[in-house]
Protein backbone atom coordinates (compact mmCIF):
# COMPACT_ATOMS: atom_id res chain seq x y z
CA MET A 1 96.09 80.04 110.39
CA GLU A 2 94.45 79.17 107.10
CA ILE A 3 96.23 79.27 103.75
CA ASP A 4 93.84 80.97 101.33
CA SER A 5 96.11 80.88 98.29
CA GLN A 6 99.45 79.34 97.46
CA GLY A 7 100.96 79.23 94.02
CA ALA A 8 103.40 80.85 91.62
CA GLY A 9 105.80 81.62 94.47
CA VAL A 10 103.41 83.63 96.69
CA SER A 11 101.32 82.38 99.62
CA VAL A 12 98.40 84.23 101.20
CA THR A 13 97.55 83.08 104.72
CA ARG A 14 94.65 84.26 106.86
CA ILE A 15 95.84 85.28 110.33
CA HIS A 16 94.96 87.22 113.45
CA TYR A 17 97.22 90.25 113.75
CA HIS A 18 97.62 92.30 116.93
CA GLY A 19 93.96 91.88 117.87
CA TRP A 20 92.45 92.14 114.38
CA PRO A 21 90.84 89.00 112.89
CA ASP A 22 90.69 88.11 109.19
CA CYS A 23 94.04 89.65 108.25
CA TYR A 24 96.36 88.34 105.54
CA LEU A 25 100.04 87.43 105.57
CA LEU A 26 101.54 87.63 102.07
CA ALA A 27 104.85 85.80 101.65
CA ASN A 28 107.29 84.87 98.90
CA CYS A 29 110.78 83.40 99.17
CA CYS A 30 112.31 86.46 100.82
CA ILE A 31 109.75 88.97 102.16
CA GLU A 32 106.39 89.24 103.94
CA ALA A 33 103.60 91.82 104.04
CA VAL A 34 100.60 92.06 106.37
CA VAL A 35 97.21 93.40 105.20
CA VAL A 36 94.53 94.40 107.74
CA PRO A 37 91.21 94.92 105.91
CA ALA A 38 89.40 95.99 109.10
CA ILE A 39 91.31 99.28 109.01
CA GLY A 40 92.06 99.39 105.27
CA ARG A 41 95.81 99.28 105.70
CA VAL A 42 98.90 97.40 104.63
CA MET A 43 100.32 97.32 108.13
CA GLN A 44 103.72 95.73 107.69
CA LEU A 45 106.53 94.96 105.24
CA ARG A 46 109.50 92.91 106.44
CA LEU A 47 112.21 90.46 105.44
CA LYS A 48 110.97 86.89 105.70
CA GLY A 49 111.39 85.46 109.17
CA GLU A 50 112.06 88.83 110.80
CA ALA A 51 109.90 89.85 113.76
CA GLU A 52 110.41 93.57 113.17
CA GLY A 53 109.46 95.27 109.91
CA ALA A 54 110.02 98.64 108.26
CA PHE A 55 106.50 100.07 108.60
CA TRP A 56 105.57 102.00 111.74
CA GLU A 57 102.63 100.62 113.73
CA ASN A 58 100.87 102.45 116.55
CA ARG A 59 100.74 99.54 118.96
CA THR A 60 98.58 101.49 121.44
CA LEU A 61 95.72 101.03 118.94
CA ASP A 62 96.03 97.26 118.45
CA GLY A 63 92.68 95.70 117.59
CA GLN A 64 90.77 98.98 117.53
CA LEU A 65 88.45 99.96 114.68
CA PRO A 66 87.74 103.30 112.98
CA GLY A 67 84.69 105.02 114.43
CA ALA A 68 81.93 106.15 112.08
CA GLY A 69 81.30 109.89 112.35
CA THR A 70 84.29 110.58 114.58
CA GLN A 71 85.94 113.98 114.29
CA GLU A 72 89.28 112.59 115.46
CA TRP A 73 91.87 110.88 113.28
CA ILE A 74 92.96 107.43 114.44
CA ASN A 75 96.63 107.12 113.51
CA PHE A 76 97.11 103.37 113.11
CA GLY A 77 100.33 103.50 111.04
CA GLY A 78 101.11 101.38 107.99
CA ASP A 79 100.32 102.25 104.37
CA LYS A 80 97.15 104.00 103.17
CA CYS A 81 95.87 106.39 100.49
CA TRP A 82 94.09 109.75 100.60
CA PRO A 83 92.77 112.10 97.91
CA ALA A 84 95.08 115.00 97.06
CA PRO A 85 95.27 117.92 97.30
CA GLN A 86 94.47 118.12 100.99
CA SER A 87 93.48 121.76 100.53
CA ALA A 88 90.33 120.57 98.66
CA TRP A 89 89.00 118.46 101.54
CA PRO A 90 86.75 121.22 102.99
CA GLN A 91 85.10 121.63 99.58
CA PHE A 92 84.04 117.97 99.44
CA GLN A 93 83.48 117.06 103.08
CA GLY A 94 82.82 120.39 104.80
CA ARG A 95 85.81 120.18 107.13
CA GLU A 96 89.60 120.31 107.01
CA TRP A 97 90.23 117.27 109.20
CA PRO A 98 90.08 114.28 109.62
CA PRO A 99 90.53 112.73 106.15
CA PRO A 100 87.55 111.74 103.95
CA VAL A 101 85.85 108.79 105.60
CA ALA A 102 85.92 106.08 102.91
CA PHE A 103 89.66 106.58 102.40
CA ASP A 104 90.72 106.28 106.02
CA ALA A 105 87.89 105.58 108.43
CA ARG A 106 86.07 102.49 107.19
CA PRO A 107 86.89 98.80 106.77
CA PHE A 108 87.71 97.59 103.25
CA ASP A 109 86.33 94.43 101.66
CA ALA A 110 89.09 91.91 100.91
CA LEU A 111 89.45 89.37 98.12
CA VAL A 112 92.40 86.97 97.91
CA THR A 113 94.11 87.00 94.50
CA GLU A 114 96.88 84.91 92.95
CA HIS A 115 99.71 87.08 94.29
CA GLY A 116 98.07 88.98 97.13
CA VAL A 117 94.89 90.73 98.22
CA LYS A 118 92.46 93.16 96.58
CA LEU A 119 90.98 95.78 98.94
CA THR A 120 87.80 97.68 98.08
CA SER A 121 86.40 100.62 100.04
CA THR A 122 82.90 101.96 100.43
CA ILE A 123 81.96 104.99 98.29
CA ASP A 124 83.12 108.21 99.90
CA PRO A 125 80.06 110.47 100.38
CA GLY A 126 81.93 113.68 99.60
CA TYR A 127 84.11 112.66 96.68
CA GLY A 128 81.82 109.98 95.27
CA ILE A 129 84.94 107.82 94.86
CA GLN A 130 85.49 104.15 95.62
CA VAL A 131 89.08 103.07 96.34
CA VAL A 132 90.43 99.75 95.07
CA ARG A 133 93.93 98.66 96.08
CA HIS A 134 95.70 95.65 94.56
CA VAL A 135 98.39 94.52 97.02
CA ASP A 136 100.74 91.98 95.41
CA LEU A 137 104.13 90.40 96.05
CA ASP A 138 106.55 89.58 93.26
CA THR A 139 106.94 85.84 92.84
CA VAL A 140 110.73 85.78 93.38
CA LYS A 141 112.01 89.30 94.10
CA PRO A 142 111.84 91.28 97.39
CA ILE A 143 109.18 93.56 95.91
CA LEU A 144 105.70 94.63 97.03
CA ARG A 145 103.49 96.40 94.47
CA ILE A 146 100.38 98.38 95.36
CA ARG A 147 98.16 99.55 92.50
CA THR A 148 95.59 102.06 93.73
CA GLU A 149 92.47 102.89 91.73
CA TYR A 150 90.06 105.77 92.35
CA ARG A 151 86.70 104.96 90.73
CA LYS A 152 84.25 107.85 90.38
CA ILE A 153 80.86 106.35 91.21
CA ALA A 154 78.62 109.31 92.09
CA GLY A 155 78.37 113.07 92.51
CA VAL A 156 79.78 116.14 90.81
CA PRO A 157 83.10 116.06 88.91
CA VAL A 158 86.20 116.21 91.13
CA THR A 159 89.81 117.05 90.40
CA VAL A 160 91.92 114.64 92.39
CA SER A 161 95.28 112.89 92.65
CA VAL A 162 96.11 109.44 94.02
CA TRP A 163 98.13 110.05 97.19
CA THR A 164 99.83 107.11 98.93
CA ILE A 165 101.21 107.58 102.44
CA THR A 166 103.56 105.02 104.01
CA GLN A 167 104.39 105.49 107.69
CA MET A 168 107.76 104.01 108.53
CA ARG A 169 109.74 103.42 111.70
CA GLU A 170 112.46 105.73 112.99
CA PRO A 171 115.13 105.75 110.24
CA GLU A 172 118.81 106.39 110.43
CA ARG A 173 118.24 108.57 107.34
CA VAL A 174 115.78 108.90 104.49
CA PHE A 175 116.78 109.69 100.91
CA LEU A 176 115.54 111.05 97.60
CA LEU A 177 117.19 110.26 94.28
CA LEU A 178 116.87 113.65 92.62
CA PRO A 179 116.19 113.88 88.88
CA GLU A 180 119.10 114.76 86.62
CA GLU A 181 117.09 117.81 85.58
CA SER A 182 114.61 118.82 88.27
CA LYS A 183 111.82 121.33 87.68
CA LEU A 184 112.29 122.52 91.28
CA ALA A 185 115.08 124.76 92.51
CA GLY A 186 117.57 122.50 94.25
CA GLY A 187 115.39 119.51 93.44
CA PHE A 188 112.89 120.00 96.27
CA VAL A 189 110.38 122.36 97.87
CA ARG A 190 109.78 122.87 101.59
CA LEU A 191 106.14 122.17 102.45
CA MET A 192 106.16 123.06 106.17
CA GLU A 193 107.59 125.99 108.05
CA ASP A 194 110.27 124.16 110.04
CA GLU A 195 113.43 123.10 108.26
CA PRO A 196 114.12 119.38 107.92
CA GLU A 197 116.70 117.92 110.28
CA GLY A 198 120.19 117.47 108.82
CA LEU A 199 119.20 117.96 105.19
CA ARG A 200 122.12 117.54 102.81
CA VAL A 201 122.59 117.05 99.08
CA ASP A 202 125.43 115.00 97.60
CA GLY A 203 125.08 114.99 93.83
CA ARG A 204 121.66 113.50 93.14
CA LEU A 205 121.40 112.07 96.67
CA LEU A 206 119.29 114.22 99.03
CA SER A 207 118.97 112.96 102.60
CA LEU A 208 117.61 114.02 105.96
CA ALA A 209 116.83 112.69 109.43
CA ARG A 210 113.71 112.80 111.57
CA HIS A 211 113.17 116.12 113.32
CA ARG A 212 112.53 115.24 116.97
CA ALA A 213 110.94 118.55 118.00
CA ALA A 214 108.88 119.74 115.00
CA CYS A 215 106.92 118.58 111.98
CA ALA A 216 108.95 118.89 108.77
CA LYS A 217 108.08 118.06 105.17
CA ILE A 218 109.58 118.42 101.70
CA GLY A 219 108.30 117.60 98.21
CA SER A 220 110.22 116.70 95.08
CA ASP A 221 109.80 115.64 91.47
CA ALA A 222 112.05 112.67 92.28
CA LEU A 223 110.60 109.27 91.47
CA SER A 224 112.52 107.22 94.07
CA MET A 225 112.89 107.42 97.86
CA ALA A 226 114.81 105.22 100.29
CA TRP A 227 114.38 104.55 104.00
CA VAL A 228 117.48 103.23 105.78
CA GLY A 229 116.81 101.50 109.07
CA GLN A 230 118.99 99.51 111.43
CA HIS A 231 118.42 96.11 109.82
CA CYS A 232 116.99 96.77 106.35
CA THR A 233 116.59 99.34 103.59
CA VAL A 234 113.38 100.06 101.69
CA ARG A 235 113.13 101.76 98.31
CA ILE A 236 109.80 103.28 97.26
CA ASP A 237 109.26 104.11 93.59
CA ALA A 238 106.49 106.33 92.25
CA GLU A 239 104.99 105.87 88.81
CA ALA A 240 106.16 108.42 86.25
CA GLY A 241 103.70 110.29 84.07
CA PRO A 242 102.85 113.67 82.55
CA GLY A 243 100.50 116.20 84.10
CA GLU A 244 100.19 118.77 86.87
CA TYR A 245 101.07 117.48 90.32
CA PRO A 246 99.88 118.74 93.74
CA ASP A 247 102.01 120.61 96.26
CA ASP A 248 104.02 122.73 93.82
CA GLY A 249 104.73 119.84 91.48
CA SER A 250 105.57 117.11 94.02
CA ILE A 251 105.64 113.48 92.87
CA THR A 252 107.24 112.28 96.11
CA GLU A 253 107.18 113.75 99.61
CA ILE A 254 108.94 113.04 102.90
CA TYR A 255 107.37 114.01 106.22
CA THR A 256 109.04 113.54 109.61
CA ASN A 257 107.01 113.44 112.83
CA PRO A 258 108.27 114.80 116.15
CA ASP A 259 108.44 112.92 119.43
CA PRO A 260 106.79 111.05 121.02
CA LEU A 261 105.54 109.24 117.87
CA ALA A 262 108.82 108.42 116.16
CA TYR A 263 107.89 107.84 112.53
CA VAL A 264 108.39 109.27 109.08
CA GLU A 265 106.12 109.24 106.03
CA LEU A 266 107.28 108.47 102.50
CA GLU A 267 104.55 109.59 100.12
CA THR A 268 103.84 109.37 96.39
CA LEU A 269 101.40 111.41 94.31
CA GLY A 270 99.87 111.09 90.87
CA PRO A 271 98.91 113.89 88.48
CA LEU A 272 95.75 115.88 89.14
CA THR A 273 92.87 114.56 87.02
CA MET A 274 89.25 115.65 86.67
CA LEU A 275 86.99 112.64 87.18
CA GLN A 276 83.36 112.38 86.15
CA VAL A 277 80.99 109.53 87.01
CA GLY A 278 82.15 106.35 85.29
CA GLU A 279 85.79 107.41 85.04
CA GLU A 280 88.77 106.22 87.07
CA ILE A 281 92.46 106.84 87.64
CA GLU A 282 95.13 104.52 88.96
CA ARG A 283 98.68 104.78 90.25
CA SER A 284 101.22 102.13 91.22
CA THR A 285 103.81 102.29 93.98
CA VAL A 286 106.64 99.75 94.20
CA TYR A 287 108.43 98.81 97.45
CA THR A 288 111.79 96.99 97.42
CA ILE A 289 113.25 95.76 100.72
CA LEU A 290 116.83 94.53 101.21
CA PRO A 291 118.91 93.51 104.25
CA ARG A 292 121.26 96.17 105.62
CA THR A 293 124.88 95.27 104.76
CA THR A 294 127.04 98.25 105.82
CA SER A 295 127.17 100.90 108.53
CA ASP A 296 127.20 103.72 105.93
CA THR A 297 123.69 105.00 105.20
CA ASP A 298 124.74 106.69 101.94
CA VAL A 299 126.23 103.44 100.67
CA GLU A 300 123.02 101.59 101.54
CA ALA A 301 120.91 104.18 99.71
CA ARG A 302 123.09 104.15 96.61
CA LYS A 303 123.01 100.35 96.60
CA ILE A 304 119.24 100.08 96.69
CA PHE A 305 118.81 102.91 94.17
CA SER A 306 121.01 100.92 91.78
CA THR A 307 118.82 97.78 91.96
């Protein structure tokens, strides 16, 4: 291991990680994050010293690389970004699936910074967008910040939203902190046909479990989500801002995947913006991770929402 940067409470160490070389371990006094530039992902977030983290990793794909020109999606896990809305993908890449290549099927260049790592993609041939992600740890708090920029480099104008997708391990429950005055009936909208498993609303606290037999997804204009696992709790906060949002006005979304891949996705979206060459948009997502202290998932969620 080689320490690339150490100062102001954050160290950045170059490591091998599950078969990938030239990865980076970010650490402060209480948490760690792992960045894998070869697949353009933040692959793990965990409490310092813990072997198991909150992010889901597809360990059957350890050390593999995205294939240029492949028509299959390689589901590595971890945290990534795509252009929203997904319904526009055929317009810009001529197919519905897999995702646009520069966002999810190419290595990213990496540059060590004072508090983390800066990741830079190639220019996507369909969207003409280059992705830049600033992955930073707070110097003293259990907080990871990811600022994602979409830079319009070439091509025709595009209307796009920054969409961040974080795949997380099997939860006990996942939560939304609903707005005091939501623009959506009941505070959420169902985005897939099957109903979420065990969805319940208690005041502003909406929660659900992973559906083991079907894909399920909801969207909300909530700004905060929480994942409650066996050993830790993670809060994900979206950046507030005016504008029209994709998926019927969703700022946050929760997707649950059926067996055998036991993961959920906590997603954030920015407002739709028309970009012309030379313009850019950015959106920040904040992750707070705390140790689990009680057996009550609702108590854990309320605790981390109050931080």
